[in-house]
C-alpha atoms as a PDB file:
ATOM      1  CA  MET A   1     -60.805 -30.084 -15.910  1.00  0.00           C
ATOM      2  CA  LYS A   2     -62.367 -31.789 -12.913  1.00  0.00           C
ATOM      3  CA  PRO A   3     -65.069 -33.608 -14.913  1.00  0.00           C
ATOM      4  CA  LEU A   4     -62.306 -35.150 -17.053  1.00  0.00           C
ATOM      5  CA  GLY A   5     -60.527 -36.244 -13.682  1.00  0.00           C
ATOM      6  CA  ILE A   6     -57.623 -33.883 -14.054  1.00  0.00           C
ATOM      7  CA  ASP A   7     -56.729 -31.724 -11.106  1.00  0.00           C
ATOM      8  CA  PRO A   8     -56.745 -28.099 -12.089  1.00  0.00           C
ATOM      9  CA  ILE A   9     -53.600 -26.999 -10.225  1.00  0.00           C
ATOM     10  CA  HIS A  10     -51.839 -29.713 -12.280  1.00  0.00           C
ATOM     11  CA  PHE A  11     -53.216 -28.909 -15.400  1.00  0.00           C
ATOM     12  CA  GLY A  12     -52.164 -25.279 -14.860  1.00  0.00           C
ATOM     13  CA  VAL A  13     -48.569 -26.114 -14.131  1.00  0.00           C
ATOM     14  CA  VAL A  14     -48.362 -28.186 -17.090  1.00  0.00           C
ATOM     15  CA  MET A  15     -49.885 -25.266 -19.177  1.00  0.00           C
ATOM     16  CA  VAL A  16     -47.362 -22.591 -17.848  1.00  0.00           C
ATOM     17  CA  ILE A  17     -44.267 -25.082 -18.468  1.00  0.00           C
ATOM     18  CA  ASN A  18     -45.489 -25.847 -21.986  1.00  0.00           C
ATOM     19  CA  MET A  19     -45.795 -22.201 -22.735  1.00  0.00           C
ATOM     20  CA  GLU A  20     -42.484 -21.584 -21.406  1.00  0.00           C
ATOM     21  CA  LEU A  21     -40.838 -24.037 -23.615  1.00  0.00           C
ATOM     22  CA  ALA A  22     -42.726 -22.604 -26.600  1.00  0.00           C
ATOM     23  CA  LEU A  23     -41.732 -18.792 -26.204  1.00  0.00           C
ATOM     24  CA  PRO A  24     -37.943 -19.507 -27.336  1.00  0.00           C
ATOM     25  CA  THR A  25     -38.598 -22.176 -29.704  1.00  0.00           C
ATOM     26  CA  PRO A  26     -38.821 -21.653 -33.526  1.00  0.00           C
ATOM     27  CA  PRO A  27     -40.759 -21.749 -35.767  1.00  0.00           C
ATOM     28  CA  VAL A  28     -43.476 -19.610 -33.761  1.00  0.00           C
ATOM     29  CA  GLY A  29     -41.222 -18.641 -30.872  1.00  0.00           C
ATOM     30  CA  PRO A  30     -41.642 -14.986 -30.915  1.00  0.00           C
ATOM     31  CA  GLU A  31     -38.987 -14.398 -28.202  1.00  0.00           C
ATOM     32  CA  SER A  32     -36.229 -15.540 -30.393  1.00  0.00           C
ATOM     33  CA  PHE A  33     -37.335 -13.350 -33.383  1.00  0.00           C
ATOM     34  CA  VAL A  34     -37.467 -10.292 -31.115  1.00  0.00           C
ATOM     35  CA  ILE A  35     -33.906 -10.909 -29.566  1.00  0.00           C
ATOM     36  CA  ALA A  36     -32.442 -11.625 -32.811  1.00  0.00           C
ATOM     37  CA  ARG A  37     -33.644  -8.394 -34.283  1.00  0.00           C
ATOM     38  CA  HIS A  38     -32.750  -6.389 -31.175  1.00  0.00           C
ATOM     39  CA  LEU A  39     -29.207  -7.865 -30.991  1.00  0.00           C
ATOM     40  CA  ALA A  40     -28.719  -8.091 -34.839  1.00  0.00           C
ATOM     41  CA  HIS A  41     -27.716 -11.608 -34.484  1.00  0.00           C
ATOM     42  CA  ALA A  42     -28.579 -14.502 -36.875  1.00  0.00           C
ATOM     43  CA  LEU A  43     -31.636 -16.411 -35.743  1.00  0.00           C
ATOM     44  CA  ALA A  44     -29.516 -19.497 -35.411  1.00  0.00           C
ATOM     45  CA  GLU A  45     -27.322 -18.124 -32.806  1.00  0.00           C
ATOM     46  CA  VAL A  46     -30.097 -16.981 -30.677  1.00  0.00           C
ATOM     47  CA  VAL A  47     -31.952 -20.289 -30.831  1.00  0.00           C
ATOM     48  CA  ALA A  48     -28.987 -22.357 -29.853  1.00  0.00           C
ATOM     49  CA  GLN A  49     -28.633 -20.322 -26.431  1.00  0.00           C
ATOM     50  CA  PRO A  50     -31.793 -21.677 -24.506  1.00  0.00           C
ATOM     51  CA  LEU A  51     -31.301 -25.338 -25.605  1.00  0.00           C
ATOM     52  CA  PRO A  52     -29.796 -26.448 -22.375  1.00  0.00           C
ATOM     53  CA  SER A  53     -32.741 -24.867 -20.262  1.00  0.00           C
ATOM     54  CA  SER A  54     -35.263 -26.126 -22.732  1.00  0.00           C
ATOM     55  CA  CYS A  55     -34.070 -29.730 -22.321  1.00  0.00           C
ATOM     56  CA  SER A  56     -34.103 -29.466 -18.479  1.00  0.00           C
ATOM     57  CA  MET A  57     -37.827 -28.004 -18.681  1.00  0.00           C
ATOM     58  CA  LEU A  58     -38.699 -30.913 -21.088  1.00  0.00           C
ATOM     59  CA  GLY A  59     -37.354 -33.367 -18.427  1.00  0.00           C
ATOM     60  CA  LEU A  60     -39.278 -31.521 -15.756  1.00  0.00           C
ATOM     61  CA  LEU A  61     -42.348 -31.556 -17.972  1.00  0.00           C
ATOM     62  CA  LEU A  62     -41.867 -35.480 -18.385  1.00  0.00           C
ATOM     63  CA  MET A  63     -41.526 -36.076 -14.514  1.00  0.00           C
ATOM     64  CA  ILE A  64     -44.589 -33.990 -13.807  1.00  0.00           C
ATOM     65  CA  HIS A  65     -46.647 -36.155 -16.489  1.00  0.00           C
ATOM     66  CA  ILE A  66     -45.330 -39.383 -15.089  1.00  0.00           C
ATOM     67  CA  ARG A  67     -45.789 -38.312 -11.419  1.00  0.00           C
ATOM     68  CA  SER A  68     -48.429 -35.571 -11.064  1.00  0.00           C
ATOM     69  CA  ALA A  69     -47.773 -35.503  -7.240  1.00  0.00           C
ATOM     70  CA  ILE A  70     -44.607 -33.464  -7.999  1.00  0.00           C
ATOM     71  CA  SER A  71     -46.488 -30.415  -9.325  1.00  0.00           C
ATOM     72  CA  LEU A  72     -49.097 -30.794  -6.266  1.00  0.00           C
ATOM     73  CA  TRP A  73     -46.688 -31.251  -3.506  1.00  0.00           C
ATOM     74  CA  LEU A  74     -46.462 -27.651  -2.667  1.00  0.00           C
ATOM     75  CA  PRO A  75     -49.921 -26.350  -3.185  1.00  0.00           C
ATOM     76  CA  ARG A  76     -50.963 -29.226  -0.811  1.00  0.00           C
ATOM     77  CA  LEU A  77     -48.387 -28.313   1.521  1.00  0.00           C
ATOM     78  CA  LEU A  78     -49.590 -24.810   1.798  1.00  0.00           C
ATOM     79  CA  MET A  79     -53.183 -25.476   1.939  1.00  0.00           C
ATOM     80  CA  HIS A  80     -52.857 -27.733   5.073  1.00  0.00           C
END
């Protein structure tokens, strides 16, 4: 990522947040299908539960895209 001008730590943070958003979200979200089958609930009931946290994670992702320094603050603090 360095040749493209993207900090590898920032890229890693963005990728982790994106993956965390994708896990409970249909149509591919495997987490939702496993939980719905295990608890014997309708998929619609299970999908509605992580919506508030998904919205806050989406907001965090937007903030990190706007200001990459947010995701680099702690690693830089620990390296110095």
